[in-house]
Protein backbone atom coordinates (compact mmCIF):
# COMPACT_ATOMS: atom_id res chain seq x y z
CA MET A 1 -76.83 -196.63 -43.82
CA ARG A 2 -80.19 -198.38 -42.49
CA VAL A 3 -81.92 -201.50 -43.51
CA ALA A 4 -85.22 -203.05 -42.49
CA VAL A 5 -86.17 -206.89 -42.09
CA VAL A 6 -89.65 -206.55 -42.60
CA THR A 7 -91.24 -210.20 -42.57
CA GLU A 8 -93.27 -212.66 -40.47
CA ASN A 9 -91.46 -215.55 -42.00
CA ALA A 10 -89.26 -217.06 -39.28
CA ARG A 11 -86.60 -218.52 -41.74
CA VAL A 12 -86.32 -215.48 -43.86
CA TYR A 13 -86.06 -213.30 -40.64
CA TYR A 14 -83.20 -215.68 -39.19
CA LEU A 15 -81.12 -215.86 -42.45
CA ALA A 16 -81.46 -211.85 -43.12
CA THR A 17 -80.39 -211.06 -39.66
CA LYS A 18 -77.68 -213.61 -39.53
CA VAL A 19 -76.02 -212.15 -42.70
CA LEU A 20 -76.68 -208.62 -41.47
CA ARG A 21 -75.06 -209.33 -38.19
CA GLU A 22 -71.91 -210.78 -40.07
CA TYR A 23 -71.41 -207.74 -42.08
CA ARG A 24 -72.11 -205.44 -38.94
CA ILE A 25 -74.89 -203.73 -41.13
CA PRO A 26 -77.41 -201.98 -38.68
CA PHE A 27 -81.23 -202.89 -39.11
CA TYR A 28 -84.84 -202.60 -37.76
CA SER A 29 -86.81 -205.46 -37.20
CA LEU A 30 -90.44 -204.73 -38.23
CA ARG A 31 -93.82 -206.37 -38.83
CA LEU A 32 -95.87 -205.82 -42.14
CA THR A 33 -97.94 -203.41 -40.18
CA ASP A 34 -95.35 -201.20 -38.75
CA ARG A 35 -94.24 -198.01 -40.28
CA ILE A 36 -91.03 -198.11 -41.82
CA PRO A 37 -88.65 -195.41 -40.45
CA PHE A 38 -87.44 -192.28 -42.45
CA ASP A 39 -83.94 -193.51 -42.59
CA VAL A 40 -84.41 -196.92 -44.18
CA GLU A 41 -82.75 -197.14 -47.68
CA VAL A 42 -83.56 -200.92 -48.32
CA VAL A 43 -86.36 -203.20 -47.25
CA LEU A 44 -85.50 -207.21 -46.85
CA THR A 45 -88.60 -209.26 -46.96
CA SER A 46 -89.89 -212.60 -47.93
CA PHE A 47 -90.67 -213.59 -51.64
CA GLU A 48 -94.20 -214.19 -50.63
CA GLU A 49 -94.53 -210.62 -48.71
CA TYR A 50 -92.57 -208.81 -51.35
CA ASP A 51 -95.67 -207.17 -52.99
CA LYS A 52 -97.44 -206.55 -49.59
CA ILE A 53 -94.82 -203.88 -48.67
CA ASN A 54 -95.00 -200.42 -49.99
CA PHE A 55 -91.33 -199.26 -50.35
CA PRO A 56 -89.58 -198.31 -53.33
CA VAL A 57 -86.17 -200.32 -52.62
CA LYS A 58 -86.91 -204.11 -51.57
CA ILE A 59 -85.09 -207.50 -51.76
CA ALA A 60 -86.78 -210.59 -51.56
CA VAL A 61 -84.31 -213.00 -49.46
CA VAL A 62 -84.03 -216.42 -50.67
CA ASN A 63 -80.67 -217.29 -49.68
CA GLU A 64 -77.58 -215.53 -48.43
CA ASN A 65 -76.81 -214.21 -51.95
CA PHE A 66 -79.09 -211.03 -51.16
CA ILE A 67 -75.94 -209.37 -49.63
CA ASP A 68 -74.39 -208.78 -53.16
CA GLU A 69 -77.60 -206.82 -54.04
CA LEU A 70 -77.82 -205.33 -50.88
CA LEU A 71 -74.56 -203.80 -50.60
CA ALA A 72 -74.97 -202.47 -54.21
CA ARG A 73 -78.24 -200.83 -53.49
CA LEU A 74 -76.85 -199.32 -50.42
CA GLU A 75 -74.21 -197.69 -52.68
CA GLY A 76 -76.87 -196.57 -55.14
CA ARG A 77 -76.14 -199.01 -57.62
CA LYS A 78 -78.54 -202.02 -58.55
CA ARG A 79 -75.73 -204.62 -59.17
CA PHE A 80 -72.00 -204.96 -58.88
CA LYS A 81 -70.53 -205.05 -62.34
CA ASN A 82 -67.30 -207.18 -61.60
CA ILE A 83 -66.59 -209.07 -58.58
CA TYR A 84 -63.23 -210.83 -57.58
CA ILE A 85 -62.18 -213.35 -55.00
CA ALA A 86 -58.55 -212.87 -55.01
CA ILE A 87 -56.02 -215.02 -53.20
CA ASP A 88 -52.36 -214.32 -52.17
CA PRO A 89 -51.22 -217.67 -51.82
CA GLY A 90 -48.79 -218.56 -49.11
CA GLU A 91 -48.42 -220.27 -45.50
CA ARG A 92 -51.32 -217.99 -44.41
CA PRO A 93 -53.01 -217.01 -47.53
CA GLY A 94 -54.51 -213.54 -47.74
CA VAL A 95 -58.15 -213.46 -49.45
CA VAL A 96 -60.35 -210.53 -50.53
CA VAL A 97 -63.71 -209.77 -52.11
CA VAL A 98 -63.28 -206.68 -54.54
CA ALA A 99 -66.46 -205.43 -56.01
CA ASP A 100 -65.96 -202.70 -58.72
CA ASN A 101 -62.69 -201.75 -57.39
CA ARG A 102 -63.73 -201.61 -53.78
CA VAL A 103 -62.83 -204.29 -50.93
CA ILE A 104 -66.12 -205.94 -49.63
CA GLU A 105 -64.30 -208.53 -47.10
CA ALA A 106 -60.93 -209.57 -46.23
CA TYR A 107 -59.66 -212.72 -44.53
CA HIS A 108 -56.39 -214.36 -43.34
CA LEU A 109 -56.54 -218.07 -43.82
CA LYS A 110 -55.09 -220.61 -41.53
CA ASN A 111 -53.17 -222.73 -44.16
CA PRO A 112 -53.37 -223.45 -47.91
CA LYS A 113 -55.98 -226.23 -47.50
CA ASP A 114 -58.18 -223.79 -45.56
CA VAL A 115 -60.43 -223.06 -48.53
CA GLY A 116 -63.75 -223.45 -46.76
CA THR A 117 -63.67 -219.38 -46.61
CA ILE A 118 -63.42 -219.52 -50.32
CA LEU A 119 -66.16 -221.84 -51.07
CA GLU A 120 -68.64 -219.78 -48.64
CA LEU A 121 -67.73 -216.53 -50.74
CA LEU A 122 -68.62 -218.19 -54.06
CA GLU A 123 -71.82 -219.11 -52.62
CA ARG A 124 -72.22 -215.65 -51.33
CA TYR A 125 -71.10 -214.14 -54.82
CA PRO A 126 -71.97 -216.67 -57.32
CA LYS A 127 -71.04 -214.22 -60.10
CA ALA A 128 -67.57 -213.95 -58.91
CA LYS A 129 -64.68 -214.89 -60.52
CA VAL A 130 -61.33 -216.07 -58.59
CA LYS A 131 -57.82 -214.75 -59.15
CA ILE A 132 -54.76 -216.21 -57.55
CA GLY A 133 -51.21 -214.92 -57.63
CA HIS A 134 -48.58 -216.75 -59.32
CA GLY A 135 -46.10 -217.08 -56.45
CA ALA A 136 -45.57 -219.49 -53.68
CA LYS A 137 -45.92 -222.42 -55.78
CA ARG A 138 -46.36 -225.35 -53.29
CA HIS A 139 -48.70 -223.31 -51.55
CA ARG A 140 -50.71 -222.37 -54.24
CA ILE A 141 -50.89 -226.07 -55.63
CA LEU A 142 -51.98 -227.24 -52.43
CA MET A 143 -54.70 -224.79 -52.06
CA LEU A 144 -55.77 -225.34 -55.71
CA LYS A 145 -55.82 -229.08 -55.34
CA SER A 146 -58.11 -228.75 -52.15
CA LEU A 147 -60.38 -226.25 -54.38
CA ALA A 148 -60.48 -228.63 -57.34
CA SER A 149 -61.49 -231.49 -55.07
CA VAL A 150 -64.61 -229.72 -54.47
CA LEU A 151 -65.16 -227.38 -57.67
CA GLY A 152 -63.66 -229.80 -60.33
CA GLU A 153 -60.64 -229.34 -62.59
CA ASP A 154 -62.71 -227.79 -65.24
CA PHE A 155 -63.27 -224.56 -62.67
CA PRO A 156 -62.17 -221.32 -64.34
CA ILE A 157 -59.49 -219.34 -62.46
CA ILE A 158 -57.46 -216.13 -63.42
CA LEU A 159 -53.69 -216.51 -62.67
CA VAL A 160 -52.10 -213.12 -61.91
CA ASN A 161 -48.48 -212.18 -61.97
CA GLU A 162 -47.92 -210.97 -58.48
CA ARG A 163 -44.55 -209.42 -58.60
CA GLY A 164 -44.53 -206.05 -56.77
CA THR A 165 -48.05 -206.72 -55.05
CA THR A 166 -46.56 -207.32 -51.57
CA PRO A 167 -45.67 -203.94 -49.98
CA LYS A 168 -41.88 -203.60 -48.94
CA VAL A 169 -42.51 -201.49 -45.64
CA GLY A 170 -40.52 -201.91 -42.50
CA GLY A 171 -42.88 -202.66 -39.42
CA VAL A 172 -46.00 -203.70 -41.17
CA ASP A 173 -47.83 -206.75 -40.02
CA PRO A 174 -47.02 -209.73 -42.30
CA HIS A 175 -50.73 -210.45 -41.98
CA VAL A 176 -51.68 -206.86 -43.31
CA GLN A 177 -49.11 -207.56 -46.13
CA ASP A 178 -50.75 -210.64 -46.94
CA ILE A 179 -53.98 -208.83 -47.58
CA VAL A 180 -52.79 -205.63 -49.52
CA ALA A 181 -51.16 -208.40 -51.78
CA SER A 182 -54.39 -210.13 -52.49
CA ILE A 183 -55.96 -206.46 -52.94
CA ASN A 184 -53.37 -205.64 -55.49
CA ILE A 185 -53.93 -209.16 -57.19
CA ALA A 186 -57.53 -208.67 -57.28
CA LEU A 187 -56.91 -205.14 -59.36
CA ARG A 188 -54.61 -206.92 -61.90
CA ASP A 189 -55.37 -208.48 -65.27
CA GLY A 190 -54.44 -212.24 -65.61
CA ARG A 191 -54.86 -215.22 -67.77
CA GLU A 192 -57.86 -217.31 -67.19
CA VAL A 193 -57.06 -221.00 -67.21
CA LYS A 194 -58.95 -224.16 -65.86
CA LEU A 195 -57.78 -225.52 -62.26
CA GLY A 196 -56.79 -228.83 -63.80
CA GLU A 197 -53.86 -226.64 -65.77
CA LEU A 198 -52.68 -225.43 -62.37
CA ILE A 199 -52.60 -228.23 -60.02
CA HIS A 200 -50.21 -230.73 -62.03
CA ALA A 201 -46.65 -229.79 -61.12
CA GLY A 202 -43.65 -231.14 -62.63
CA GLU A 203 -40.90 -232.89 -60.86
CA PRO A 204 -39.52 -230.49 -58.05
CA THR A 205 -35.89 -229.55 -58.22
CA LYS A 206 -32.90 -230.95 -55.96
CA GLY A 207 -33.02 -227.28 -54.49
CA GLU A 208 -36.89 -227.27 -53.80
CA ILE A 209 -36.31 -230.41 -51.94
CA GLU A 210 -33.77 -229.22 -49.91
CA TYR A 211 -35.30 -225.96 -49.04
CA ILE A 212 -38.18 -227.86 -47.67
CA LYS A 213 -36.16 -230.30 -45.58
CA THR A 214 -34.53 -227.19 -44.08
CA ARG A 215 -38.00 -225.72 -43.30
CA SER A 216 -38.93 -228.77 -41.47
CA ARG A 217 -35.93 -228.38 -39.12
CA GLU A 218 -36.57 -224.80 -38.59
CA LEU A 219 -40.68 -225.73 -37.89
CA SER A 220 -39.27 -228.50 -35.37
CA ASN A 221 -36.87 -226.51 -33.66
CA GLY A 222 -34.20 -228.55 -35.13
CA LYS A 223 -35.67 -231.80 -33.92
CA ILE A 224 -36.73 -233.37 -37.10
CA THR A 225 -35.68 -233.44 -40.88
CA ILE A 226 -38.15 -234.95 -43.08
CA SER A 227 -36.98 -237.42 -45.74
CA SER A 228 -36.54 -236.50 -49.27
CA LYS A 229 -39.67 -238.52 -50.28
CA LEU A 230 -41.91 -236.54 -48.01
CA ALA A 231 -40.45 -233.21 -48.85
CA ARG A 232 -41.13 -234.23 -52.42
CA GLU A 233 -44.83 -234.83 -51.82
CA VAL A 234 -44.70 -231.31 -50.00
CA ALA A 235 -43.17 -229.65 -53.27
CA LYS A 236 -45.94 -231.23 -55.58
CA GLY A 237 -48.69 -229.91 -53.45
CA ASN A 238 -49.93 -233.38 -52.02
CA LEU A 239 -48.93 -232.75 -48.29
CA THR A 240 -48.51 -229.52 -46.19
CA LEU A 241 -45.05 -229.29 -44.44
CA GLU A 242 -46.96 -229.80 -40.86
CA GLU A 243 -48.59 -232.89 -42.07
CA ALA A 244 -45.20 -234.28 -43.54
CA ILE A 245 -43.48 -233.58 -40.06
CA GLU A 246 -46.42 -235.44 -38.40
CA ILE A 247 -46.02 -238.54 -40.79
CA HIS A 248 -42.29 -238.44 -40.13
CA LYS A 249 -42.83 -238.42 -36.28
CA LYS A 250 -45.38 -241.32 -36.58
CA LYS A 251 -42.86 -243.52 -38.63
CA LYS A 252 -39.96 -242.76 -36.04
CA GLY A 253 -42.48 -243.62 -33.29
CA ASP A 254 -43.59 -247.03 -34.87
CA LYS A 255 -40.00 -247.96 -35.27
CA LYS A 256 -39.24 -247.67 -31.49
């Protein structure tokens, strides 16, 4: 597949080539007077120069969202019909973009509050719908609260039953399993709700609090057990476990 960037507009050239490099799509850089090579399938140009270029398939680059139409054009379709940004919640969430049942992008996030990638994907694919698995409750709530702080509690999201989405295969990298799970979530139907309906967790059970305290000991190599109060905040999605451990350390330090 070949793309030609045909423009004398410096801003459009920078934007188009930046995105093409991110997607590892090969391209030609041409001037308006250059002959377009035979293997070019799509021409990218500015809105002002659009009518000056004699080529059957061309896209005017206004912002990074042109990548949606470009990928569809390269597949011989004008636009993708259905685009989903799917999330497998957890300590290191898996995120994929699936367009018409084809995986377009895949990511492994640092932690549940690392939602910058998701926000960038929503800008890149403005018609995409967001799906998230129903598991990993505290990680899911923490992530959705981070998204709601930017998108608002009325933002629609599709909650999917993720049972059976993670492959049970020995020797497979857990990071790969998270990506596979998010792909399976993208391909499943779910229930559309507003973010606000998913971020207000009820009171955690005693078992949840004890589990989080145990995890704090594991993460600190047995040196720290956070308080039940901090564990409750973690369970409700108000803090990450790492943040709670740091708060505990600081409080201990202040008492010395």
